[in-house]
Full PDB file with SEQRES, HELIX, SHEET, SSBOND, CRYST1, ORIGX, SCALE, CONECT and MASTER records, all heavy atoms in Angstrom:
SEQRES   1 A   41  ARG PRO LEU GLU PHE LEU ASN GLN PHE LYS HIS ILE ASP          
SEQRES   2 A   41  ASN LEU SER PHE THR HIS CYS VAL GLU ALA SER GLU ASP          
SEQRES   3 A   41  ASP LEU GLU GLN ILE LYS SER LEU GLY ALA THR ILE ASN          
SEQRES   4 A   41  HIS CYS                                                      
HELIX    1 AA1 PRO A    2  ASN A    7  1                                   6    
HELIX    2 AA2 GLU A   25  SER A   33  1                                   9    
SHEET    1 AA1 2 SER A  16  THR A  18  0                                        
SHEET    2 AA1 2 THR A  37  ASN A  39  1                                        
CRYST1    1.000    1.000    1.000  90.00  90.00  90.00 P 1           1          
ORIGX1      1.000000  0.000000  0.000000        0.00000                         
ORIGX2      0.000000  1.000000  0.000000        0.00000                         
ORIGX3      0.000000  0.000000  1.000000        0.00000                         
SCALE1      1.000000  0.000000  0.000000        0.00000                         
SCALE2      0.000000  1.000000  0.000000        0.00000                         
SCALE3      0.000000  0.000000  1.000000        0.00000                         
ATOM      1  N   ARG A   1     123.938 119.325 115.817  1.00  0.00           N  
ATOM      2  CA  ARG A   1     124.947 118.499 115.153  1.00  0.00           C  
ATOM      3  C   ARG A   1     126.094 118.256 116.134  1.00  0.00           C  
ATOM      4  O   ARG A   1     126.283 119.028 117.088  1.00  0.00           O  
ATOM      5  CB  ARG A   1     125.463 119.185 113.887  1.00  0.00           C  
ATOM      6  CG  ARG A   1     124.377 119.531 112.865  1.00  0.00           C  
ATOM      7  CD  ARG A   1     123.619 118.310 112.394  1.00  0.00           C  
ATOM      8  NE  ARG A   1     122.535 118.665 111.448  1.00  0.00           N  
ATOM      9  CZ  ARG A   1     121.556 117.848 111.122  1.00  0.00           C  
ATOM     10  NH1 ARG A   1     121.487 116.638 111.649  1.00  0.00           N  
ATOM     11  NH2 ARG A   1     120.618 118.247 110.273  1.00  0.00           N  
ATOM     12  N   PRO A   2     126.869 117.187 115.932  1.00  0.00           N  
ATOM     13  CA  PRO A   2     127.887 116.823 116.928  1.00  0.00           C  
ATOM     14  C   PRO A   2     128.841 117.939 117.327  1.00  0.00           C  
ATOM     15  O   PRO A   2     129.034 118.192 118.522  1.00  0.00           O  
ATOM     16  CB  PRO A   2     128.619 115.656 116.259  1.00  0.00           C  
ATOM     17  CG  PRO A   2     127.573 115.015 115.406  1.00  0.00           C  
ATOM     18  CD  PRO A   2     126.748 116.152 114.875  1.00  0.00           C  
ATOM     19  N   LEU A   3     129.442 118.624 116.366  1.00  0.00           N  
ATOM     20  CA  LEU A   3     130.398 119.668 116.721  1.00  0.00           C  
ATOM     21  C   LEU A   3     129.712 120.873 117.339  1.00  0.00           C  
ATOM     22  O   LEU A   3     130.273 121.533 118.233  1.00  0.00           O  
ATOM     23  CB  LEU A   3     131.223 120.077 115.501  1.00  0.00           C  
ATOM     24  CG  LEU A   3     132.326 119.089 115.091  1.00  0.00           C  
ATOM     25  CD1 LEU A   3     133.001 119.524 113.793  1.00  0.00           C  
ATOM     26  CD2 LEU A   3     133.362 118.935 116.194  1.00  0.00           C  
ATOM     27  N   GLU A   4     128.495 121.173 116.902  1.00  0.00           N  
ATOM     28  CA  GLU A   4     127.730 122.247 117.544  1.00  0.00           C  
ATOM     29  C   GLU A   4     127.484 121.908 119.014  1.00  0.00           C  
ATOM     30  O   GLU A   4     127.568 122.781 119.886  1.00  0.00           O  
ATOM     31  CB  GLU A   4     126.383 122.434 116.828  1.00  0.00           C  
ATOM     32  CG  GLU A   4     126.486 122.972 115.418  1.00  0.00           C  
ATOM     33  CD  GLU A   4     125.153 122.967 114.694  1.00  0.00           C  
ATOM     34  OE1 GLU A   4     124.189 122.371 115.220  1.00  0.00           O  
ATOM     35  OE2 GLU A   4     125.073 123.557 113.603  1.00  0.00           O  
ATOM     36  N   PHE A   5     127.175 120.659 119.243  1.00  0.00           N  
ATOM     37  CA  PHE A   5     126.942 120.192 120.611  1.00  0.00           C  
ATOM     38  C   PHE A   5     128.197 120.361 121.461  1.00  0.00           C  
ATOM     39  O   PHE A   5     128.146 120.948 122.550  1.00  0.00           O  
ATOM     40  CB  PHE A   5     126.516 118.726 120.564  1.00  0.00           C  
ATOM     41  CG  PHE A   5     126.306 118.085 121.904  1.00  0.00           C  
ATOM     42  CD1 PHE A   5     125.163 118.340 122.630  1.00  0.00           C  
ATOM     43  CD2 PHE A   5     127.254 117.214 122.425  1.00  0.00           C  
ATOM     44  CE1 PHE A   5     124.958 117.739 123.873  1.00  0.00           C  
ATOM     45  CE2 PHE A   5     127.062 116.606 123.658  1.00  0.00           C  
ATOM     46  CZ  PHE A   5     125.910 116.874 124.380  1.00  0.00           C  
ATOM     47  N   LEU A   6     129.326 119.874 120.964  1.00  0.00           N  
ATOM     48  CA  LEU A   6     130.564 119.937 121.740  1.00  0.00           C  
ATOM     49  C   LEU A   6     130.997 121.372 122.010  1.00  0.00           C  
ATOM     50  O   LEU A   6     131.566 121.669 123.072  1.00  0.00           O  
ATOM     51  CB  LEU A   6     131.684 119.187 120.999  1.00  0.00           C  
ATOM     52  CG  LEU A   6     131.522 117.668 120.886  1.00  0.00           C  
ATOM     53  CD1 LEU A   6     132.626 117.087 120.000  1.00  0.00           C  
ATOM     54  CD2 LEU A   6     131.528 117.000 122.252  1.00  0.00           C  
ATOM     55  N   ASN A   7     130.733 122.260 121.074  1.00  0.00           N  
ATOM     56  CA  ASN A   7     131.160 123.659 121.233  1.00  0.00           C  
ATOM     57  C   ASN A   7     130.495 124.359 122.421  1.00  0.00           C  
ATOM     58  O   ASN A   7     130.981 125.406 122.866  1.00  0.00           O  
ATOM     59  CB  ASN A   7     130.863 124.448 119.952  1.00  0.00           C  
ATOM     60  CG  ASN A   7     131.887 124.180 118.865  1.00  0.00           C  
ATOM     61  OD1 ASN A   7     133.029 123.827 119.151  1.00  0.00           O  
ATOM     62  ND2 ASN A   7     131.488 124.335 117.609  1.00  0.00           N  
ATOM     63  N   GLN A   8     129.425 123.791 122.931  1.00  0.00           N  
ATOM     64  CA  GLN A   8     128.725 124.431 124.046  1.00  0.00           C  
ATOM     65  C   GLN A   8     129.401 124.178 125.402  1.00  0.00           C  
ATOM     66  O   GLN A   8     129.016 124.778 126.399  1.00  0.00           O  
ATOM     67  CB  GLN A   8     127.273 123.948 124.091  1.00  0.00           C  
ATOM     68  CG  GLN A   8     126.488 124.338 122.837  1.00  0.00           C  
ATOM     69  CD  GLN A   8     125.059 123.844 122.886  1.00  0.00           C  
ATOM     70  OE1 GLN A   8     124.185 124.472 123.472  1.00  0.00           O  
ATOM     71  NE2 GLN A   8     124.815 122.700 122.269  1.00  0.00           N  
ATOM     72  N   PHE A   9     130.412 123.313 125.444  1.00  0.00           N  
ATOM     73  CA  PHE A   9     131.024 122.912 126.712  1.00  0.00           C  
ATOM     74  C   PHE A   9     132.346 123.628 126.996  1.00  0.00           C  
ATOM     75  O   PHE A   9     133.105 123.196 127.860  1.00  0.00           O  
ATOM     76  CB  PHE A   9     131.267 121.399 126.718  1.00  0.00           C  
ATOM     77  CG  PHE A   9     130.021 120.571 126.717  1.00  0.00           C  
ATOM     78  CD1 PHE A   9     129.337 120.323 125.528  1.00  0.00           C  
ATOM     79  CD2 PHE A   9     129.523 120.028 127.885  1.00  0.00           C  
ATOM     80  CE1 PHE A   9     128.187 119.545 125.515  1.00  0.00           C  
ATOM     81  CE2 PHE A   9     128.371 119.253 127.885  1.00  0.00           C  
ATOM     82  CZ  PHE A   9     127.704 119.012 126.701  1.00  0.00           C  
ATOM     83  N   LYS A  10     132.605 124.732 126.322  1.00  0.00           N  
ATOM     84  CA  LYS A  10     133.942 125.327 126.360  1.00  0.00           C  
ATOM     85  C   LYS A  10     134.364 125.870 127.722  1.00  0.00           C  
ATOM     86  O   LYS A  10     135.552 126.020 127.984  1.00  0.00           O  
ATOM     87  CB  LYS A  10     134.035 126.430 125.307  1.00  0.00           C  
ATOM     88  CG  LYS A  10     134.131 125.895 123.884  1.00  0.00           C  
ATOM     89  CD  LYS A  10     134.300 127.005 122.874  1.00  0.00           C  
ATOM     90  CE  LYS A  10     134.461 126.435 121.472  1.00  0.00           C  
ATOM     91  NZ  LYS A  10     134.576 127.506 120.443  1.00  0.00           N  
ATOM     92  N   HIS A  11     133.447 126.189 128.590  1.00  0.00           N  
ATOM     93  CA  HIS A  11     133.822 126.815 129.860  1.00  0.00           C  
ATOM     94  C   HIS A  11     133.601 125.887 131.051  1.00  0.00           C  
ATOM     95  O   HIS A  11     133.426 126.352 132.177  1.00  0.00           O  
ATOM     96  CB  HIS A  11     133.048 128.120 130.047  1.00  0.00           C  
ATOM     97  CG  HIS A  11     133.280 129.095 128.930  1.00  0.00           C  
ATOM     98  ND1 HIS A  11     134.505 129.676 128.701  1.00  0.00           N  
ATOM     99  CD2 HIS A  11     132.454 129.561 127.958  1.00  0.00           C  
ATOM    100  CE1 HIS A  11     134.423 130.476 127.655  1.00  0.00           C  
ATOM    101  NE2 HIS A  11     133.192 130.416 127.185  1.00  0.00           N  
ATOM    102  N   ILE A  12     133.649 124.574 130.775  1.00  0.00           N  
ATOM    103  CA  ILE A  12     133.484 123.580 131.836  1.00  0.00           C  
ATOM    104  C   ILE A  12     134.851 122.985 132.170  1.00  0.00           C  
ATOM    105  O   ILE A  12     135.541 122.472 131.301  1.00  0.00           O  
ATOM    106  CB  ILE A  12     132.500 122.474 131.406  1.00  0.00           C  
ATOM    107  CG1 ILE A  12     131.146 123.079 131.023  1.00  0.00           C  
ATOM    108  CG2 ILE A  12     132.364 121.437 132.504  1.00  0.00           C  
ATOM    109  CD1 ILE A  12     130.454 123.817 132.153  1.00  0.00           C  
ATOM    110  N   ASP A  13     135.222 123.016 133.442  1.00  0.00           N  
ATOM    111  CA  ASP A  13     136.558 122.551 133.837  1.00  0.00           C  
ATOM    112  C   ASP A  13     136.640 121.038 134.001  1.00  0.00           C  
ATOM    113  O   ASP A  13     137.623 120.423 133.595  1.00  0.00           O  
ATOM    114  CB  ASP A  13     136.981 123.223 135.154  1.00  0.00           C  
ATOM    115  CG  ASP A  13     137.240 124.708 134.990  1.00  0.00           C  
ATOM    116  OD1 ASP A  13     137.624 125.120 133.874  1.00  0.00           O  
ATOM    117  OD2 ASP A  13     137.044 125.457 135.962  1.00  0.00           O  
ATOM    118  N   ASN A  14     135.637 120.429 134.619  1.00  0.00           N  
ATOM    119  CA  ASN A  14     135.658 118.988 134.897  1.00  0.00           C  
ATOM    120  C   ASN A  14     134.595 118.314 134.038  1.00  0.00           C  
ATOM    121  O   ASN A  14     133.410 118.319 134.375  1.00  0.00           O  
ATOM    122  CB  ASN A  14     135.400 118.737 136.388  1.00  0.00           C  
ATOM    123  CG  ASN A  14     136.423 119.451 137.257  1.00  0.00           C  
ATOM    124  OD1 ASN A  14     137.623 119.294 137.072  1.00  0.00           O  
ATOM    125  ND2 ASN A  14     135.949 120.255 138.198  1.00  0.00           N  
ATOM    126  N   LEU A  15     135.046 117.741 132.935  1.00  0.00           N  
ATOM    127  CA  LEU A  15     134.130 117.336 131.866  1.00  0.00           C  
ATOM    128  C   LEU A  15     134.446 115.926 131.383  1.00  0.00           C  
ATOM    129  O   LEU A  15     135.611 115.555 131.206  1.00  0.00           O  
ATOM    130  CB  LEU A  15     134.269 118.322 130.698  1.00  0.00           C  
ATOM    131  CG  LEU A  15     133.460 118.073 129.427  1.00  0.00           C  
ATOM    132  CD1 LEU A  15     131.962 118.119 129.702  1.00  0.00           C  
ATOM    133  CD2 LEU A  15     133.836 119.117 128.369  1.00  0.00           C  
ATOM    134  N   SER A  16     133.391 115.139 131.167  1.00  0.00           N  
ATOM    135  CA  SER A  16     133.578 113.808 130.578  1.00  0.00           C  
ATOM    136  C   SER A  16     132.460 113.511 129.593  1.00  0.00           C  
ATOM    137  O   SER A  16     131.328 113.980 129.754  1.00  0.00           O  
ATOM    138  CB  SER A  16     133.618 112.728 131.665  1.00  0.00           C  
ATOM    139  OG  SER A  16     132.397 112.661 132.377  1.00  0.00           O  
ATOM    140  N   PHE A  17     132.812 112.746 128.575  1.00  0.00           N  
ATOM    141  CA  PHE A  17     131.843 112.266 127.599  1.00  0.00           C  
ATOM    142  C   PHE A  17     131.878 110.737 127.623  1.00  0.00           C  
ATOM    143  O   PHE A  17     132.951 110.138 127.659  1.00  0.00           O  
ATOM    144  CB  PHE A  17     132.169 112.779 126.193  1.00  0.00           C  
ATOM    145  CG  PHE A  17     132.016 114.266 126.057  1.00  0.00           C  
ATOM    146  CD1 PHE A  17     133.122 115.098 126.077  1.00  0.00           C  
ATOM    147  CD2 PHE A  17     130.764 114.844 125.928  1.00  0.00           C  
ATOM    148  CE1 PHE A  17     132.995 116.470 125.966  1.00  0.00           C  
ATOM    149  CE2 PHE A  17     130.619 116.215 125.823  1.00  0.00           C  
ATOM    150  CZ  PHE A  17     131.737 117.037 125.841  1.00  0.00           C  
ATOM    151  N   THR A  18     130.700 110.124 127.583  1.00  0.00           N  
ATOM    152  CA  THR A  18     130.590 108.674 127.719  1.00  0.00           C  
ATOM    153  C   THR A  18     130.331 108.022 126.363  1.00  0.00           C  
ATOM    154  O   THR A  18     129.533 108.516 125.572  1.00  0.00           O  
ATOM    155  CB  THR A  18     129.465 108.323 128.697  1.00  0.00           C  
ATOM    156  OG1 THR A  18     129.749 108.939 129.957  1.00  0.00           O  
ATOM    157  CG2 THR A  18     129.346 106.825 128.901  1.00  0.00           C  
ATOM    158  N   HIS A  19     131.021 106.929 126.113  1.00  0.00           N  
ATOM    159  CA  HIS A  19     130.942 106.078 124.922  1.00  0.00           C  
ATOM    160  C   HIS A  19     131.823 106.616 123.786  1.00  0.00           C  
ATOM    161  O   HIS A  19     132.920 106.109 123.572  1.00  0.00           O  
ATOM    162  CB  HIS A  19     129.504 105.868 124.452  1.00  0.00           C  
ATOM    163  CG  HIS A  19     128.607 105.285 125.483  1.00  0.00           C  
ATOM    164  ND1 HIS A  19     128.897 104.118 126.164  1.00  0.00           N  
ATOM    165  CD2 HIS A  19     127.420 105.717 125.997  1.00  0.00           C  
ATOM    166  CE1 HIS A  19     127.942 103.854 127.019  1.00  0.00           C  
ATOM    167  NE2 HIS A  19     127.030 104.806 126.947  1.00  0.00           N  
ATOM    168  N   CYS A  20     131.333 107.567 123.008  1.00  0.00           N  
ATOM    169  CA  CYS A  20     132.123 108.199 121.930  1.00  0.00           C  
ATOM    170  C   CYS A  20     132.615 107.195 120.891  1.00  0.00           C  
ATOM    171  O   CYS A  20     133.590 107.461 120.187  1.00  0.00           O  
ATOM    172  CB  CYS A  20     133.329 108.951 122.508  1.00  0.00           C  
ATOM    173  SG  CYS A  20     132.916 110.248 123.695  1.00  0.00           S  
ATOM    174  N   VAL A  21     131.941 106.060 120.756  1.00  0.00           N  
ATOM    175  CA  VAL A  21     132.442 105.015 119.864  1.00  0.00           C  
ATOM    176  C   VAL A  21     132.289 105.387 118.386  1.00  0.00           C  
ATOM    177  O   VAL A  21     132.975 104.832 117.527  1.00  0.00           O  
ATOM    178  CB  VAL A  21     131.754 103.660 120.151  1.00  0.00           C  
ATOM    179  CG1 VAL A  21     132.100 103.175 121.550  1.00  0.00           C  
ATOM    180  CG2 VAL A  21     130.238 103.753 119.972  1.00  0.00           C  
ATOM    181  N   GLU A  22     131.378 106.330 118.092  1.00  0.00           N  
ATOM    182  CA  GLU A  22     131.193 106.777 116.712  1.00  0.00           C  
ATOM    183  C   GLU A  22     131.772 108.173 116.479  1.00  0.00           C  
ATOM    184  O   GLU A  22     131.508 108.799 115.445  1.00  0.00           O  
ATOM    185  CB  GLU A  22     129.688 106.795 116.370  1.00  0.00           C  
ATOM    186  CG  GLU A  22     129.028 105.420 116.380  1.00  0.00           C  
ATOM    187  CD  GLU A  22     129.460 104.541 115.216  1.00  0.00           C  
ATOM    188  OE1 GLU A  22     129.936 105.093 114.194  1.00  0.00           O  
ATOM    189  OE2 GLU A  22     129.334 103.315 115.329  1.00  0.00           O  
ATOM    190  N   ALA A  23     132.558 108.670 117.423  1.00  0.00           N  
ATOM    191  CA  ALA A  23     133.137 110.003 117.294  1.00  0.00           C  
ATOM    192  C   ALA A  23     134.142 110.055 116.145  1.00  0.00           C  
ATOM    193  O   ALA A  23     134.981 109.155 115.988  1.00  0.00           O  
ATOM    194  CB  ALA A  23     133.810 110.418 118.599  1.00  0.00           C  
ATOM    195  N   SER A  24     134.077 111.128 115.343  1.00  0.00           N  
ATOM    196  CA  SER A  24     135.003 111.312 114.229  1.00  0.00           C  
ATOM    197  C   SER A  24     136.315 111.901 114.736  1.00  0.00           C  
ATOM    198  O   SER A  24     136.440 112.289 115.905  1.00  0.00           O  
ATOM    199  CB  SER A  24     134.391 112.257 113.198  1.00  0.00           C  
ATOM    200  OG  SER A  24     134.285 113.574 113.755  1.00  0.00           O  
ATOM    201  N   GLU A  25     137.273 112.010 113.834  1.00  0.00           N  
ATOM    202  CA  GLU A  25     138.549 112.632 114.197  1.00  0.00           C  
ATOM    203  C   GLU A  25     138.334 114.079 114.630  1.00  0.00           C  
ATOM    204  O   GLU A  25     138.948 114.544 115.602  1.00  0.00           O  
ATOM    205  CB  GLU A  25     139.515 112.568 113.013  1.00  0.00           C  
ATOM    206  CG  GLU A  25     140.907 113.091 113.352  1.00  0.00           C  
ATOM    207  CD  GLU A  25     141.893 112.909 112.208  1.00  0.00           C  
ATOM    208  OE1 GLU A  25     141.615 112.110 111.296  1.00  0.00           O  
ATOM    209  OE2 GLU A  25     142.941 113.582 112.220  1.00  0.00           O  
ATOM    210  N   ASP A  26     137.450 114.788 113.924  1.00  0.00           N  
ATOM    211  CA  ASP A  26     137.157 116.177 114.314  1.00  0.00           C  
ATOM    212  C   ASP A  26     136.505 116.246 115.695  1.00  0.00           C  
ATOM    213  O   ASP A  26     136.816 117.135 116.499  1.00  0.00           O  
ATOM    214  CB  ASP A  26     136.242 116.840 113.280  1.00  0.00           C  
ATOM    215  CG  ASP A  26     136.964 117.160 111.979  1.00  0.00           C  
ATOM    216  OD1 ASP A  26     138.206 117.173 111.980  1.00  0.00           O  
ATOM    217  OD2 ASP A  26     136.268 117.387 110.973  1.00  0.00           O  
ATOM    218  N   ASP A  27     135.595 115.302 115.964  1.00  0.00           N  
ATOM    219  CA  ASP A  27     134.966 115.251 117.281  1.00  0.00           C  
ATOM    220  C   ASP A  27     136.010 115.033 118.367  1.00  0.00           C  
ATOM    221  O   ASP A  27     135.990 115.710 119.418  1.00  0.00           O  
ATOM    222  CB  ASP A  27     133.937 114.116 117.351  1.00  0.00           C  
ATOM    223  CG  ASP A  27     132.774 114.295 116.397  1.00  0.00           C  
ATOM    224  OD1 ASP A  27     132.429 115.450 116.081  1.00  0.00           O  
ATOM    225  OD2 ASP A  27     132.213 113.271 115.971  1.00  0.00           O  
ATOM    226  N   LEU A  28     136.902 114.090 118.134  1.00  0.00           N  
ATOM    227  CA  LEU A  28     137.928 113.783 119.132  1.00  0.00           C  
ATOM    228  C   LEU A  28     138.876 114.959 119.330  1.00  0.00           C  
ATOM    229  O   LEU A  28     139.307 115.235 120.460  1.00  0.00           O  
ATOM    230  CB  LEU A  28     138.704 112.528 118.727  1.00  0.00           C  
ATOM    231  CG  LEU A  28     137.913 111.216 118.769  1.00  0.00           C  
ATOM    232  CD1 LEU A  28     138.773 110.062 118.277  1.00  0.00           C  
ATOM    233  CD2 LEU A  28     137.396 110.925 120.176  1.00  0.00           C  
ATOM    234  N   GLU A  29     139.191 115.643 118.248  1.00  0.00           N  
ATOM    235  CA  GLU A  29     140.041 116.842 118.375  1.00  0.00           C  
ATOM    236  C   GLU A  29     139.357 117.874 119.272  1.00  0.00           C  
ATOM    237  O   GLU A  29     140.006 118.526 120.094  1.00  0.00           O  
ATOM    238  CB  GLU A  29     140.316 117.443 116.991  1.00  0.00           C  
ATOM    239  CG  GLU A  29     141.255 116.614 116.111  1.00  0.00           C  
ATOM    240  CD  GLU A  29     142.725 116.872 116.417  1.00  0.00           C  
ATOM    241  OE1 GLU A  29     143.016 117.601 117.374  1.00  0.00           O  
ATOM    242  OE2 GLU A  29     143.562 116.328 115.684  1.00  0.00           O  
ATOM    243  N   GLN A  30     138.043 118.033 119.102  1.00  0.00           N  
ATOM    244  CA  GLN A  30     137.316 118.993 119.928  1.00  0.00           C  
ATOM    245  C   GLN A  30     137.255 118.537 121.383  1.00  0.00           C  
ATOM    246  O   GLN A  30     137.404 119.342 122.310  1.00  0.00           O  
ATOM    247  CB  GLN A  30     135.906 119.201 119.372  1.00  0.00           C  
ATOM    248  CG  GLN A  30     135.075 120.214 120.131  1.00  0.00           C  
ATOM    249  CD  GLN A  30     135.597 121.640 120.004  1.00  0.00           C  
ATOM    250  OE1 GLN A  30     136.686 121.883 119.502  1.00  0.00           O  
ATOM    251  NE2 GLN A  30     134.821 122.592 120.483  1.00  0.00           N  
ATOM    252  N   ILE A  31     137.047 117.232 121.603  1.00  0.00           N  
ATOM    253  CA  ILE A  31     137.044 116.690 122.964  1.00  0.00           C  
ATOM    254  C   ILE A  31     138.399 116.920 123.620  1.00  0.00           C  
ATOM    255  O   ILE A  31     138.488 117.298 124.795  1.00  0.00           O  
ATOM    256  CB  ILE A  31     136.666 115.194 122.939  1.00  0.00           C  
ATOM    257  CG1 ILE A  31     135.177 115.045 122.597  1.00  0.00           C  
ATOM    258  CG2 ILE A  31     136.988 114.514 124.265  1.00  0.00           C  
ATOM    259  CD1 ILE A  31     134.737 113.620 122.329  1.00  0.00           C  
ATOM    260  N   LYS A  32     139.457 116.735 122.851  1.00  0.00           N  
ATOM    261  CA  LYS A  32     140.807 117.005 123.352  1.00  0.00           C  
ATOM    262  C   LYS A  32     140.947 118.468 123.751  1.00  0.00           C  
ATOM    263  O   LYS A  32     141.478 118.787 124.832  1.00  0.00           O  
ATOM    264  CB  LYS A  32     141.823 116.641 122.272  1.00  0.00           C  
ATOM    265  CG  LYS A  32     143.228 117.204 122.481  1.00  0.00           C  
ATOM    266  CD  LYS A  32     143.928 116.599 123.667  1.00  0.00           C  
ATOM    267  CE  LYS A  32     145.360 117.113 123.765  1.00  0.00           C  
ATOM    268  NZ  LYS A  32     146.046 116.611 124.984  1.00  0.00           N  
ATOM    269  N   SER A  33     140.486 119.377 122.900  1.00  0.00           N  
ATOM    270  CA  SER A  33     140.625 120.812 123.178  1.00  0.00           C  
ATOM    271  C   SER A  33     139.839 121.226 124.415  1.00  0.00           C  
ATOM    272  O   SER A  33     140.188 122.205 125.084  1.00  0.00           O  
ATOM    273  CB  SER A  33     140.169 121.636 121.966  1.00  0.00           C  
ATOM    274  OG  SER A  33     138.761 121.623 121.836  1.00  0.00           O  
ATOM    275  N   LEU A  34     138.779 120.483 124.724  1.00  0.00           N  
ATOM    276  CA  LEU A  34     137.963 120.780 125.901  1.00  0.00           C  
ATOM    277  C   LEU A  34     138.587 120.242 127.189  1.00  0.00           C  
ATOM    278  O   LEU A  34     138.094 120.510 128.282  1.00  0.00           O  
ATOM    279  CB  LEU A  34     136.566 120.184 125.732  1.00  0.00           C  
ATOM    280  CG  LEU A  34     135.693 120.805 124.637  1.00  0.00           C  
ATOM    281  CD1 LEU A  34     134.452 119.940 124.394  1.00  0.00           C  
ATOM    282  CD2 LEU A  34     135.288 122.218 124.999  1.00  0.00           C  
ATOM    283  N   GLY A  35     139.654 119.451 127.054  1.00  0.00           N  
ATOM    284  CA  GLY A  35     140.294 118.862 128.226  1.00  0.00           C  
ATOM    285  C   GLY A  35     139.445 117.791 128.885  1.00  0.00           C  
ATOM    286  O   GLY A  35     139.561 117.541 130.088  1.00  0.00           O  
ATOM    287  N   ALA A  36     138.600 117.139 128.097  1.00  0.00           N  
ATOM    288  CA  ALA A  36     137.648 116.169 128.644  1.00  0.00           C  
ATOM    289  C   ALA A  36     138.241 114.766 128.711  1.00  0.00           C  
ATOM    290  O   ALA A  36     139.210 114.432 128.033  1.00  0.00           O  
ATOM    291  CB  ALA A  36     136.376 116.153 127.794  1.00  0.00           C  
ATOM    292  N   THR A  37     137.623 113.942 129.535  1.00  0.00           N  
ATOM    293  CA  THR A  37     137.921 112.519 129.638  1.00  0.00           C  
ATOM    294  C   THR A  37     136.788 111.743 128.974  1.00  0.00           C  
ATOM    295  O   THR A  37     135.644 112.181 128.989  1.00  0.00           O  
ATOM    296  CB  THR A  37     138.029 112.109 131.118  1.00  0.00           C  
ATOM    297  OG1 THR A  37     139.061 112.870 131.743  1.00  0.00           O  
ATOM    298  CG2 THR A  37     138.336 110.624 131.280  1.00  0.00           C  
ATOM    299  N   ILE A  38     137.111 110.597 128.381  1.00  0.00           N  
ATOM    300  CA  ILE A  38     136.091 109.732 127.795  1.00  0.00           C  
ATOM    301  C   ILE A  38     135.847 108.548 128.723  1.00  0.00           C  
ATOM    302  O   ILE A  38     136.787 107.832 129.091  1.00  0.00           O  
ATOM    303  CB  ILE A  38     136.496 109.250 126.393  1.00  0.00           C  
ATOM    304  CG1 ILE A  38     136.487 110.434 125.420  1.00  0.00           C  
ATOM    305  CG2 ILE A  38     135.560 108.144 125.898  1.00  0.00           C  
ATOM    306  CD1 ILE A  38     136.921 110.096 124.013  1.00  0.00           C  
ATOM    307  N   ASN A  39     134.584 108.360 129.130  1.00  0.00           N  
ATOM    308  CA  ASN A  39     134.193 107.222 129.960  1.00  0.00           C  
ATOM    309  C   ASN A  39     133.957 106.010 129.059  1.00  0.00           C  
ATOM    310  O   ASN A  39     133.046 106.015 128.233  1.00  0.00           O  
ATOM    311  CB  ASN A  39     132.914 107.538 130.736  1.00  0.00           C  
ATOM    312  CG  ASN A  39     133.056 108.748 131.639  1.00  0.00           C  
ATOM    313  OD1 ASN A  39     134.046 108.888 132.338  1.00  0.00           O  
ATOM    314  ND2 ASN A  39     132.062 109.631 131.615  1.00  0.00           N  
ATOM    315  N   HIS A  40     134.789 104.997 129.232  1.00  0.00           N  
ATOM    316  CA  HIS A  40     134.721 103.789 128.411  1.00  0.00           C  
ATOM    317  C   HIS A  40     133.847 102.756 129.115  1.00  0.00           C  
ATOM    318  O   HIS A  40     134.169 102.307 130.213  1.00  0.00           O  
ATOM    319  CB  HIS A  40     136.145 103.256 128.220  1.00  0.00           C  
ATOM    320  CG  HIS A  40     136.253 102.112 127.260  1.00  0.00           C  
ATOM    321  ND1 HIS A  40     135.293 101.819 126.323  1.00  0.00           N  
ATOM    322  CD2 HIS A  40     137.247 101.174 127.097  1.00  0.00           C  
ATOM    323  CE1 HIS A  40     135.681 100.770 125.614  1.00  0.00           C  
ATOM    324  NE2 HIS A  40     136.851 100.355 126.070  1.00  0.00           N  
ATOM    325  N   CYS A  41     132.723 102.386 128.477  1.00  0.00           N  
ATOM    326  CA  CYS A  41     131.777 101.419 129.047  1.00  0.00           C  
ATOM    327  C   CYS A  41     131.642 100.251 128.077  1.00  0.00           C  
ATOM    328  O   CYS A  41     130.632 100.115 127.377  1.00  0.00           O  
ATOM    329  CB  CYS A  41     130.431 102.071 129.309  1.00  0.00           C  
ATOM    330  SG  CYS A  41     130.477 103.498 130.402  1.00  0.00           S  
TER     331      CYS A  41                                                      
MASTER        0    0    0    2    2    0    0    6  330    1    0    4          
END                                                                             
């Protein structure tokens, strides 16, 4: 599931997720907490 997936990236320093056009508010909050960048294509 989406949040289960994101939770696996907690110890990665240089991280990006691509697209994220269907990401929920909770998903985005988790992406924020991971310090990730979103690749906009």
